[in-house]
Amino acid sequence: MSTNTHQTQRSFLKENKQILNKASTTPVSRHQKTLSTPTPGLTTSGISTWVTKWVDYSSKYGLGYTLSNGGIGVYFNDSSKILQHTPDRFMYVCRDGNKQEQLQWHNTAEFPPSLTKKHTLLAHFQSYLL
């Protein structure tokens, strides 16, 4: 991959990690929330990507969301995350034995069998949210 592609992926990851961290620390109720118009008093200065729609299914799987940049993702109950911004690739983030986050990029046509369930859940959340 080119240096520019790596920089774009890092920027995308950094933005979405900030969103995920905020979403994971904000209590939510079991319902879907859509932000189609700005909330009075809420500023977006300095924020280039935000959650536009989400659904809390944490009783079973986790929190699914769509982003203003077109990305869609799931924050799973086991603290792993999956995010798809393009139709052909997705990002998976999990913790290793030392509790350090590990980032993995995969093609949607070919990925480890261990991610089949999570990739399928991403597709279900996507069909529900879009």
C-alpha atoms as a PDB file:
ATOM      1  CA  MET A   1       0.000   0.000   0.000  1.00  0.00           C
ATOM      2  CA  SER A   2       1.104   3.551  -0.596  1.00  0.00           C
ATOM      3  CA  THR A   3       2.017   5.973   2.178  1.00  0.00           C
ATOM      4  CA  ASN A   4      -1.005   8.108   1.268  1.00  0.00           C
ATOM      5  CA  THR A   5      -3.337   5.101   1.682  1.00  0.00           C
ATOM      6  CA  HIS A   6      -1.850   4.356   5.113  1.00  0.00           C
ATOM      7  CA  GLN A   7      -2.273   7.998   6.167  1.00  0.00           C
ATOM      8  CA  THR A   8      -5.900   7.983   4.989  1.00  0.00           C
ATOM      9  CA  GLN A   9      -6.596   4.745   6.877  1.00  0.00           C
ATOM     10  CA  ARG A  10      -4.927   6.085  10.035  1.00  0.00           C
ATOM     11  CA  SER A  11      -6.931   9.314   9.833  1.00  0.00           C
ATOM     12  CA  PHE A  12     -10.138   7.345   9.296  1.00  0.00           C
ATOM     13  CA  LEU A  13      -9.280   5.053  12.224  1.00  0.00           C
ATOM     14  CA  LYS A  14      -8.431   7.964  14.526  1.00  0.00           C
ATOM     15  CA  GLU A  15     -11.722   9.755  13.795  1.00  0.00           C
ATOM     16  CA  ASN A  16     -13.792   6.624  14.263  1.00  0.00           C
ATOM     17  CA  LYS A  17     -11.927   5.538  17.392  1.00  0.00           C
ATOM     18  CA  GLN A  18     -12.792   8.898  18.982  1.00  0.00           C
ATOM     19  CA  ILE A  19     -16.438   8.388  18.049  1.00  0.00           C
ATOM     20  CA  LEU A  20     -16.456   4.818  19.359  1.00  0.00           C
ATOM     21  CA  ASN A  21     -14.828   5.846  22.627  1.00  0.00           C
ATOM     22  CA  LYS A  22     -17.415   8.572  23.150  1.00  0.00           C
ATOM     23  CA  ALA A  23     -20.283   6.259  22.175  1.00  0.00           C
ATOM     24  CA  SER A  24     -19.069   3.515  24.487  1.00  0.00           C
ATOM     25  CA  THR A  25     -19.018   5.828  27.504  1.00  0.00           C
ATOM     26  CA  THR A  26     -22.373   7.484  26.823  1.00  0.00           C
ATOM     27  CA  PRO A  27     -25.350   5.665  28.368  1.00  0.00           C
ATOM     28  CA  VAL A  28     -28.001   4.812  25.813  1.00  0.00           C
ATOM     29  CA  SER A  29     -31.459   3.400  26.089  1.00  0.00           C
ATOM     30  CA  ARG A  30     -32.810   0.539  24.012  1.00  0.00           C
ATOM     31  CA  HIS A  31     -34.106   2.404  21.011  1.00  0.00           C
ATOM     32  CA  GLN A  32     -32.915   3.832  17.763  1.00  0.00           C
ATOM     33  CA  LYS A  33     -31.782   7.433  17.597  1.00  0.00           C
ATOM     34  CA  THR A  34     -31.459   9.468  14.404  1.00  0.00           C
ATOM     35  CA  LEU A  35     -29.716  12.812  14.168  1.00  0.00           C
ATOM     36  CA  SER A  36     -30.951  14.262  10.913  1.00  0.00           C
ATOM     37  CA  THR A  37     -30.924  17.895  12.030  1.00  0.00           C
ATOM     38  CA  PRO A  38     -28.538  19.691  14.365  1.00  0.00           C
ATOM     39  CA  THR A  39     -29.472  19.746  18.029  1.00  0.00           C
ATOM     40  CA  PRO A  40     -29.806  23.308  19.398  1.00  0.00           C
ATOM     41  CA  GLY A  41     -26.781  24.197  21.506  1.00  0.00           C
ATOM     42  CA  LEU A  42     -24.721  21.322  20.104  1.00  0.00           C
ATOM     43  CA  THR A  43     -21.716  22.486  18.123  1.00  0.00           C
ATOM     44  CA  THR A  44     -19.759  20.398  15.680  1.00  0.00           C
ATOM     45  CA  SER A  45     -16.716  22.643  15.455  1.00  0.00           C
ATOM     46  CA  GLY A  46     -13.647  20.506  14.989  1.00  0.00           C
ATOM     47  CA  ILE A  47     -15.674  17.334  14.440  1.00  0.00           C
ATOM     48  CA  SER A  48     -15.627  16.029  10.908  1.00  0.00           C
ATOM     49  CA  THR A  49     -17.429  12.707  11.459  1.00  0.00           C
ATOM     50  CA  TRP A  50     -20.296  11.893  13.800  1.00  0.00           C
ATOM     51  CA  VAL A  51     -22.829   9.181  14.502  1.00  0.00           C
ATOM     52  CA  THR A  52     -25.994   9.870  12.508  1.00  0.00           C
ATOM     53  CA  LYS A  53     -28.027   6.827  13.502  1.00  0.00           C
ATOM     54  CA  TRP A  54     -27.634   4.091  16.052  1.00  0.00           C
ATOM     55  CA  VAL A  55     -29.442   1.113  17.488  1.00  0.00           C
ATOM     56  CA  ASP A  56     -28.706  -0.417  20.877  1.00  0.00           C
ATOM     57  CA  TYR A  57     -28.905  -4.193  20.846  1.00  0.00           C
ATOM     58  CA  SER A  58     -26.395  -4.611  23.661  1.00  0.00           C
ATOM     59  CA  SER A  59     -28.616  -7.119  25.426  1.00  0.00           C
ATOM     60  CA  LYS A  60     -27.423  -9.590  22.808  1.00  0.00           C
ATOM     61  CA  TYR A  61     -24.721  -8.239  20.465  1.00  0.00           C
ATOM     62  CA  GLY A  62     -23.740  -4.586  20.846  1.00  0.00           C
ATOM     63  CA  LEU A  63     -24.314  -1.103  19.471  1.00  0.00           C
ATOM     64  CA  GLY A  64     -24.715  -0.611  15.707  1.00  0.00           C
ATOM     65  CA  TYR A  65     -24.278   2.804  14.125  1.00  0.00           C
ATOM     66  CA  THR A  66     -23.951   4.751  10.890  1.00  0.00           C
ATOM     67  CA  LEU A  67     -21.571   7.670  10.488  1.00  0.00           C
ATOM     68  CA  SER A  68     -21.878  10.982   8.689  1.00  0.00           C
ATOM     69  CA  ASN A  69     -19.052   9.918   6.347  1.00  0.00           C
ATOM     70  CA  GLY A  70     -21.030   6.865   5.177  1.00  0.00           C
ATOM     71  CA  GLY A  71     -19.309   4.338   7.423  1.00  0.00           C
ATOM     72  CA  ILE A  72     -21.233   1.729   9.366  1.00  0.00           C
ATOM     73  CA  GLY A  73     -20.018  -0.187  12.366  1.00  0.00           C
ATOM     74  CA  VAL A  74     -20.728  -2.235  15.438  1.00  0.00           C
ATOM     75  CA  TYR A  75     -19.253  -1.922  18.923  1.00  0.00           C
ATOM     76  CA  PHE A  76     -19.666  -5.467  20.248  1.00  0.00           C
ATOM     77  CA  ASN A  77     -20.282  -6.443  23.863  1.00  0.00           C
ATOM     78  CA  ASP A  78     -16.805  -8.022  24.022  1.00  0.00           C
ATOM     79  CA  SER A  79     -15.330  -4.545  23.245  1.00  0.00           C
ATOM     80  CA  SER A  80     -14.287  -5.529  19.736  1.00  0.00           C
ATOM     81  CA  LYS A  81     -15.295  -3.249  16.885  1.00  0.00           C
ATOM     82  CA  ILE A  82     -16.002  -3.688  13.209  1.00  0.00           C
ATOM     83  CA  LEU A  83     -16.277  -0.791  10.781  1.00  0.00           C
ATOM     84  CA  GLN A  84     -16.981  -0.739   7.068  1.00  0.00           C
ATOM     85  CA  HIS A  85     -16.537   2.418   5.041  1.00  0.00           C
ATOM     86  CA  THR A  86     -16.158   0.938   1.566  1.00  0.00           C
ATOM     87  CA  PRO A  87     -18.063  -2.017   0.120  1.00  0.00           C
ATOM     88  CA  ASP A  88     -14.899  -4.077  -0.395  1.00  0.00           C
ATOM     89  CA  ARG A  89     -12.977  -3.618   2.898  1.00  0.00           C
ATOM     90  CA  PHE A  90     -13.655  -3.536   6.606  1.00  0.00           C
ATOM     91  CA  MET A  91     -11.661  -2.843   9.728  1.00  0.00           C
ATOM     92  CA  TYR A  92     -11.744  -5.076  12.796  1.00  0.00           C
ATOM     93  CA  VAL A  93     -10.324  -3.942  16.136  1.00  0.00           C
ATOM     94  CA  CYS A  94      -9.880  -6.292  19.092  1.00  0.00           C
ATOM     95  CA  ARG A  95      -7.716  -6.542  22.183  1.00  0.00           C
ATOM     96  CA  ASP A  96      -4.819  -8.952  22.454  1.00  0.00           C
ATOM     97  CA  GLY A  97      -3.737 -10.834  25.595  1.00  0.00           C
ATOM     98  CA  ASN A  98      -2.020  -7.682  26.892  1.00  0.00           C
ATOM     99  CA  LYS A  99      -5.220  -5.642  26.433  1.00  0.00           C
ATOM    100  CA  GLN A 100      -3.651  -3.696  23.574  1.00  0.00           C
ATOM    101  CA  GLU A 101      -5.886  -2.887  20.610  1.00  0.00           C
ATOM    102  CA  GLN A 102      -5.017  -4.754  17.437  1.00  0.00           C
ATOM    103  CA  LEU A 103      -6.181  -3.363  14.099  1.00  0.00           C
ATOM    104  CA  GLN A 104      -6.898  -5.674  11.183  1.00  0.00           C
ATOM    105  CA  TRP A 105      -8.030  -4.742   7.662  1.00  0.00           C
ATOM    106  CA  HIS A 106      -9.871  -7.393   5.625  1.00  0.00           C
ATOM    107  CA  ASN A 107     -11.478  -7.715   2.219  1.00  0.00           C
ATOM    108  CA  THR A 108     -15.204  -8.409   2.415  1.00  0.00           C
ATOM    109  CA  ALA A 109     -14.812 -11.305  -0.031  1.00  0.00           C
ATOM    110  CA  GLU A 110     -12.055 -12.992   1.967  1.00  0.00           C
ATOM    111  CA  PHE A 111     -11.559 -12.826   5.738  1.00  0.00           C
ATOM    112  CA  PRO A 112     -10.791 -15.242   8.595  1.00  0.00           C
ATOM    113  CA  PRO A 113     -13.593 -17.705   9.430  1.00  0.00           C
ATOM    114  CA  SER A 114     -13.448 -16.479  13.048  1.00  0.00           C
ATOM    115  CA  LEU A 115     -14.968 -13.156  11.882  1.00  0.00           C
ATOM    116  CA  THR A 116     -17.903 -14.679   9.983  1.00  0.00           C
ATOM    117  CA  LYS A 117     -20.439 -14.110  12.756  1.00  0.00           C
ATOM    118  CA  LYS A 118     -19.347 -10.511  13.388  1.00  0.00           C
ATOM    119  CA  HIS A 119     -19.282  -9.686   9.678  1.00  0.00           C
ATOM    120  CA  THR A 120     -22.778 -11.187   9.327  1.00  0.00           C
ATOM    121  CA  LEU A 121     -23.997  -9.103  12.276  1.00  0.00           C
ATOM    122  CA  LEU A 122     -22.521  -5.997  10.639  1.00  0.00           C
ATOM    123  CA  ALA A 123     -24.596  -6.768   7.529  1.00  0.00           C
ATOM    124  CA  HIS A 124     -27.741  -7.198   9.651  1.00  0.00           C
ATOM    125  CA  PHE A 125     -27.172  -3.895  11.450  1.00  0.00           C
ATOM    126  CA  GLN A 126     -26.501  -2.242   8.080  1.00  0.00           C
ATOM    127  CA  SER A 127     -29.770  -3.498   6.574  1.00  0.00           C
ATOM    128  CA  TYR A 128     -31.658  -2.310   9.655  1.00  0.00           C
ATOM    129  CA  LEU A 129     -30.063   1.125   9.843  1.00  0.00           C
ATOM    130  CA  LEU A 130     -30.076   2.016   6.133  1.00  0.00           C
END
